[in-house]
N, C-alpha and C. Protein backbone atom coordinates (compact mmCIF):
# COMPACT_ATOMS: atom_id res chain seq x y z
N UNK A 1 1.04 -1.07 -0.13
CA UNK A 1 -0.02 -0.01 -0.09
C UNK A 1 1.00 1.14 0.26
N UNK A 2 0.70 2.17 -1.01
CA UNK A 2 1.58 3.17 -1.18
C UNK A 2 1.36 4.16 -0.15
N UNK A 3 0.23 4.39 0.58
CA UNK A 3 -0.08 5.45 1.51
C UNK A 3 -0.83 5.08 2.77
N UNK A 4 -0.32 5.01 4.06
CA UNK A 4 -0.95 4.80 5.20
C UNK A 4 -1.61 6.05 5.85
N UNK A 5 -2.76 6.02 6.30
CA UNK A 5 -3.52 7.37 6.49
C UNK A 5 -3.83 7.14 8.28
N UNK A 6 -3.29 8.17 8.99
CA UNK A 6 -3.64 8.44 10.32
C UNK A 6 -4.35 9.60 10.63
N UNK A 7 -5.73 9.23 11.53
CA UNK A 7 -6.44 10.46 11.88
C UNK A 7 -6.33 10.73 13.35
N UNK A 8 -6.09 11.88 13.75
CA UNK A 8 -6.08 12.24 14.93
C UNK A 8 -6.74 13.44 15.30
N UNK A 9 -8.20 13.36 15.62
CA UNK A 9 -8.90 14.71 15.70
C UNK A 9 -9.04 15.15 14.41
N UNK A 10 -8.64 16.68 14.34
CA UNK A 10 -8.51 17.60 13.02
C UNK A 10 -7.16 17.40 12.11
N UNK A 11 -6.41 16.45 12.58
CA UNK A 11 -5.30 16.60 11.84
C UNK A 11 -5.18 15.07 10.95
N UNK A 12 -4.91 15.14 9.77
CA UNK A 12 -4.92 13.85 9.15
C UNK A 12 -3.33 13.77 8.49
N UNK A 13 -2.54 12.66 8.59
CA UNK A 13 -1.43 12.48 8.35
C UNK A 13 -1.39 11.39 7.17
N UNK A 14 -0.73 11.76 6.40
CA UNK A 14 -0.60 10.54 5.18
C UNK A 14 0.88 10.40 5.00
N UNK A 15 1.18 8.99 5.24
CA UNK A 15 2.69 8.53 5.41
C UNK A 15 2.66 7.83 3.82
N UNK A 16 3.48 8.47 2.99
CA UNK A 16 3.77 8.03 1.78
C UNK A 16 4.81 7.05 1.53
N UNK A 17 4.82 6.16 0.75
CA UNK A 17 6.01 5.01 0.65
C UNK A 17 6.26 4.61 -0.81
N UNK A 18 7.39 4.32 -0.91
CA UNK A 18 7.94 3.91 -2.55
C UNK A 18 8.27 4.92 -3.37
N UNK A 19 7.82 4.92 -4.55
CA UNK A 19 7.83 6.03 -5.48
C UNK A 19 6.72 6.49 -5.90
N UNK A 20 6.71 7.93 -6.35
CA UNK A 20 5.62 8.77 -6.99
C UNK A 20 5.86 8.95 -8.08
N UNK A 21 4.97 8.39 -8.98
CA UNK A 21 4.97 8.36 -10.40
C UNK A 21 3.62 8.48 -10.92
N UNK A 22 3.53 8.50 -12.23
CA UNK A 22 2.06 8.51 -12.76
C UNK A 22 0.95 7.63 -12.29
N UNK A 23 1.61 6.33 -11.94
CA UNK A 23 0.49 5.26 -11.54
C UNK A 23 0.48 5.29 -10.16
N UNK A 24 1.34 5.67 -9.36
CA UNK A 24 1.30 5.62 -7.76
C UNK A 24 0.59 6.62 -7.38
N UNK A 25 1.03 7.73 -8.06
CA UNK A 25 0.19 8.89 -7.84
C UNK A 25 -1.35 9.00 -7.80
N UNK A 26 -1.89 8.15 -8.53
CA UNK A 26 -3.34 8.15 -8.70
C UNK A 26 -3.65 7.62 -7.68
N UNK A 27 -3.39 6.39 -7.12
CA UNK A 27 -3.58 5.74 -5.92
C UNK A 27 -3.57 6.54 -4.78
N UNK A 28 -2.55 7.15 -4.52
CA UNK A 28 -2.21 8.07 -3.31
C UNK A 28 -3.07 9.14 -3.27
N UNK A 29 -3.37 9.60 -4.47
CA UNK A 29 -4.52 10.77 -4.64
C UNK A 29 -6.04 10.56 -3.87
N UNK A 30 -6.26 9.34 -4.51
CA UNK A 30 -7.65 8.82 -4.16
C UNK A 30 -7.64 8.58 -2.55
N UNK A 31 -6.53 8.14 -2.02
CA UNK A 31 -6.52 7.26 -0.77
C UNK A 31 -6.52 8.70 0.13
N UNK A 32 -5.92 9.79 -0.13
CA UNK A 32 -5.56 11.06 0.73
C UNK A 32 -7.07 11.68 0.53
N UNK A 33 -7.50 11.94 -0.59
CA UNK A 33 -8.82 12.80 -0.96
C UNK A 33 -9.91 12.13 -0.09
N UNK A 34 -10.01 10.87 -0.07
CA UNK A 34 -11.02 10.02 0.56
C UNK A 34 -10.96 10.53 2.11
N UNK A 35 -9.86 10.57 2.65
CA UNK A 35 -9.46 10.74 4.06
C UNK A 35 -9.86 12.10 4.39
N UNK A 36 -9.83 13.04 3.10
CA UNK A 36 -9.81 14.42 3.59
C UNK A 36 -11.26 14.86 3.79
N UNK A 37 -12.11 13.98 2.71
CA UNK A 37 -13.44 14.29 2.52
C UNK A 37 -14.12 13.42 3.76
N UNK A 38 -13.76 12.47 4.22
CA UNK A 38 -14.33 11.82 5.40
C UNK A 38 -14.25 12.74 6.79
N UNK A 39 -12.96 13.19 7.01
CA UNK A 39 -12.51 13.73 8.28
C UNK A 39 -12.40 15.19 8.24
N UNK A 40 -12.67 15.73 7.21
CA UNK A 40 -12.52 17.31 7.08
C UNK A 40 -11.45 17.65 8.11
N UNK A 41 -10.26 17.59 7.75
CA UNK A 41 -8.97 18.16 8.87
C UNK A 41 -8.74 19.60 8.83
N UNK A 42 -8.31 20.19 10.01
CA UNK A 42 -8.01 21.44 9.81
C UNK A 42 -6.29 21.47 9.23
N UNK A 43 -5.80 20.45 9.21
CA UNK A 43 -4.20 20.25 8.74
C UNK A 43 -4.04 18.78 8.20
N UNK A 44 -3.46 18.75 7.14
CA UNK A 44 -2.94 17.56 6.54
C UNK A 44 -1.64 17.52 6.40
N UNK A 45 -0.73 16.39 6.86
CA UNK A 45 0.50 16.22 6.95
C UNK A 45 0.83 15.10 5.99
N UNK A 46 1.55 15.60 4.88
CA UNK A 46 2.23 14.60 3.90
C UNK A 46 3.55 14.33 4.51
N UNK A 47 3.73 12.90 5.03
CA UNK A 47 5.20 12.57 5.22
C UNK A 47 5.92 11.72 3.96
N UNK A 48 6.90 12.52 3.72
CA UNK A 48 7.64 11.75 2.57
C UNK A 48 8.91 10.95 2.94
N UNK A 49 8.77 10.55 4.33
CA UNK A 49 9.95 9.74 4.82
C UNK A 49 10.32 8.29 4.13
N UNK A 50 9.39 7.87 3.63
CA UNK A 50 9.82 6.56 2.98
C UNK A 50 9.63 6.65 1.39
N UNK A 51 9.51 8.02 0.79
CA UNK A 51 9.79 8.07 -0.55
C UNK A 51 11.14 7.88 -1.17
N UNK A 52 11.09 7.03 -2.00
CA UNK A 52 12.49 6.87 -2.50
C UNK A 52 12.81 7.52 -3.98
N UNK A 53 11.62 7.86 -4.54
CA UNK A 53 11.82 8.40 -6.00
C UNK A 53 10.59 9.27 -6.09
N UNK A 54 10.58 10.68 -6.71
CA UNK A 54 9.57 11.16 -7.14
C UNK A 54 9.70 12.07 -8.53
N UNK A 55 8.49 11.90 -9.41
CA UNK A 55 8.73 12.97 -10.68
C UNK A 55 7.80 13.83 -10.45
N UNK A 56 7.38 14.34 -11.51
CA UNK A 56 6.73 15.72 -11.86
C UNK A 56 5.27 15.32 -10.90
N UNK A 57 4.78 13.93 -10.89
CA UNK A 57 3.48 13.59 -10.39
C UNK A 57 3.37 13.77 -9.16
N UNK A 58 4.63 13.90 -8.32
CA UNK A 58 4.63 14.33 -6.98
C UNK A 58 4.25 15.82 -6.56
N UNK A 59 4.73 16.42 -7.54
CA UNK A 59 4.45 18.17 -7.51
C UNK A 59 2.78 18.14 -7.66
N UNK A 60 2.32 17.38 -8.67
CA UNK A 60 0.91 17.58 -8.77
C UNK A 60 0.23 16.92 -7.86
N UNK A 61 0.78 15.73 -7.12
CA UNK A 61 -0.16 15.65 -5.94
C UNK A 61 -0.03 16.36 -4.83
N UNK A 62 0.68 17.21 -4.52
CA UNK A 62 1.01 18.09 -3.58
C UNK A 62 -0.03 19.30 -3.99
N UNK A 63 0.15 19.70 -5.22
CA UNK A 63 -0.66 20.96 -5.44
C UNK A 63 -2.38 20.68 -5.50
N UNK A 64 -2.47 19.28 -5.84
CA UNK A 64 -4.05 19.15 -5.97
C UNK A 64 -4.48 18.84 -4.54
N UNK A 65 -3.67 18.31 -3.36
CA UNK A 65 -4.13 18.35 -2.13
C UNK A 65 -4.25 19.68 -1.53
N UNK A 66 -3.37 20.63 -2.00
CA UNK A 66 -3.40 22.09 -1.23
C UNK A 66 -4.83 22.48 -1.91
N UNK A 67 -5.19 22.15 -3.11
CA UNK A 67 -6.40 23.07 -3.69
C UNK A 67 -7.59 22.56 -2.79
N UNK A 68 -7.66 21.16 -2.78
CA UNK A 68 -8.66 20.51 -2.04
C UNK A 68 -8.70 21.05 -0.46
N UNK A 69 -7.78 21.24 0.15
CA UNK A 69 -7.68 21.59 1.61
C UNK A 69 -8.17 23.08 1.63
N UNK A 70 -7.73 23.75 0.56
CA UNK A 70 -8.00 25.41 0.66
C UNK A 70 -9.53 25.59 0.71
N UNK A 71 -10.01 25.12 0.08
CA UNK A 71 -11.77 25.03 0.05
C UNK A 71 -12.31 24.96 1.51
N UNK A 72 -11.68 24.36 2.35
CA UNK A 72 -11.93 24.45 3.85
C UNK A 72 -11.06 25.00 4.75
N UNK A 73 -10.51 25.80 4.03
CA UNK A 73 -9.35 26.84 4.96
C UNK A 73 -8.42 25.84 5.71
N UNK A 74 -8.00 24.56 5.36
CA UNK A 74 -7.19 23.67 6.18
C UNK A 74 -5.85 24.03 5.45
N UNK A 75 -5.08 23.61 6.31
CA UNK A 75 -3.36 23.92 6.15
C UNK A 75 -2.90 22.34 5.44
N UNK A 76 -1.72 22.68 4.68
CA UNK A 76 -0.85 21.44 4.33
C UNK A 76 0.43 21.65 4.97
N UNK A 77 1.18 20.59 5.40
CA UNK A 77 2.37 20.65 5.80
C UNK A 77 2.97 19.09 5.47
N UNK A 78 4.24 19.76 4.64
CA UNK A 78 5.06 18.47 4.13
C UNK A 78 6.21 18.32 4.89
N UNK A 79 6.34 16.95 5.37
CA UNK A 79 7.51 16.69 6.50
C UNK A 79 8.32 15.53 5.79
N UNK A 80 9.60 15.44 6.51
CA UNK A 80 10.58 14.44 6.30
C UNK A 80 10.99 14.13 4.76
N UNK A 81 11.26 15.23 3.97
CA UNK A 81 11.47 15.20 2.72
C UNK A 81 13.00 14.86 2.47
N UNK A 82 13.45 14.03 1.62
CA UNK A 82 14.92 13.78 1.57
C UNK A 82 15.48 15.29 0.84
N UNK A 83 16.66 15.54 1.12
CA UNK A 83 17.42 16.67 0.44
C UNK A 83 17.23 16.95 -0.96
N UNK A 84 16.91 15.87 -1.73
CA UNK A 84 16.82 15.84 -3.19
C UNK A 84 15.25 16.49 -3.33
N UNK A 85 14.53 15.63 -2.79
CA UNK A 85 13.03 15.96 -2.72
C UNK A 85 12.56 17.40 -2.68
N UNK A 86 13.29 17.70 -1.57
CA UNK A 86 13.13 19.23 -0.90
C UNK A 86 13.48 20.20 -1.80
N UNK A 87 14.61 19.70 -2.56
CA UNK A 87 15.29 20.78 -3.60
C UNK A 87 14.08 21.08 -4.52
N UNK A 88 13.76 19.71 -5.28
CA UNK A 88 12.55 19.46 -6.17
C UNK A 88 11.15 20.55 -5.83
N UNK A 89 10.96 20.42 -4.51
CA UNK A 89 9.72 21.32 -4.16
C UNK A 89 9.97 22.48 -3.98
N UNK A 90 11.38 23.09 -3.64
CA UNK A 90 11.61 24.54 -3.56
C UNK A 90 11.52 25.04 -4.74
N UNK A 91 12.14 24.45 -5.80
CA UNK A 91 12.30 24.97 -7.18
C UNK A 91 10.91 25.03 -7.88
N UNK A 92 10.02 24.10 -7.52
CA UNK A 92 8.62 24.13 -7.90
C UNK A 92 7.81 25.25 -7.20
N UNK A 93 8.44 25.87 -6.10
CA UNK A 93 7.47 26.85 -5.59
C UNK A 93 6.45 26.37 -4.60
N UNK A 94 6.54 24.93 -4.06
CA UNK A 94 5.68 24.60 -3.21
C UNK A 94 5.66 25.29 -1.73
N UNK A 95 6.93 25.73 -1.60
CA UNK A 95 7.02 26.33 -0.10
C UNK A 95 6.07 27.64 -0.15
N UNK A 96 5.37 28.19 -1.12
CA UNK A 96 4.26 29.24 -0.99
C UNK A 96 3.20 28.23 -0.62
N UNK A 97 2.96 27.22 -0.70
CA UNK A 97 1.77 26.54 -0.48
C UNK A 97 1.68 25.69 0.76
N UNK A 98 3.04 25.26 1.03
CA UNK A 98 2.94 24.20 2.63
C UNK A 98 4.12 24.74 3.01
N UNK A 99 4.15 24.61 4.50
CA UNK A 99 5.42 24.48 5.01
C UNK A 99 6.20 22.95 4.77
N UNK A 100 7.32 23.13 4.46
CA UNK A 100 8.12 21.84 3.97
C UNK A 100 9.35 21.76 4.83
N UNK A 101 9.41 20.51 5.61
CA UNK A 101 10.59 20.02 6.45
C UNK A 101 11.47 19.14 5.70
N UNK A 102 12.84 19.10 5.64
CA UNK A 102 13.54 18.22 5.15
C UNK A 102 13.67 16.95 6.32
N UNK A 103 14.26 15.97 6.04
CA UNK A 103 14.46 14.70 6.99
C UNK A 103 15.48 15.54 7.99
N UNK A 104 15.11 15.22 9.38
CA UNK A 104 15.89 15.82 10.51
C UNK A 104 15.74 17.14 10.66
N UNK A 105 14.77 17.91 10.24
CA UNK A 105 14.68 19.37 10.61
C UNK A 105 13.34 19.45 11.46
N UNK A 106 13.42 20.68 12.12
CA UNK A 106 12.09 20.71 12.82
C UNK A 106 11.21 22.02 12.49
């Protein structure tokens, strides 16, 4: 399973794993969107600790979840990105949409 969802009150955390590409992103998107719809969180955390590879589908995954959350004034937080994924996200401008933490940062 490429994503594990944990719900704690108004906080939903999605633990992503494996690779994020065109095929896996679709499954992750559906699972995360279902959790958002069911729980209406005030914050979604996307945990990238177990992501080994990400192409542009990962950027789309983050942007789409941001748009879904914005409808309900919820926040997006991205945690545990590898240095490479952090760099890609910064270059894509995702830090304007979400707080992004690298592995080991607070």
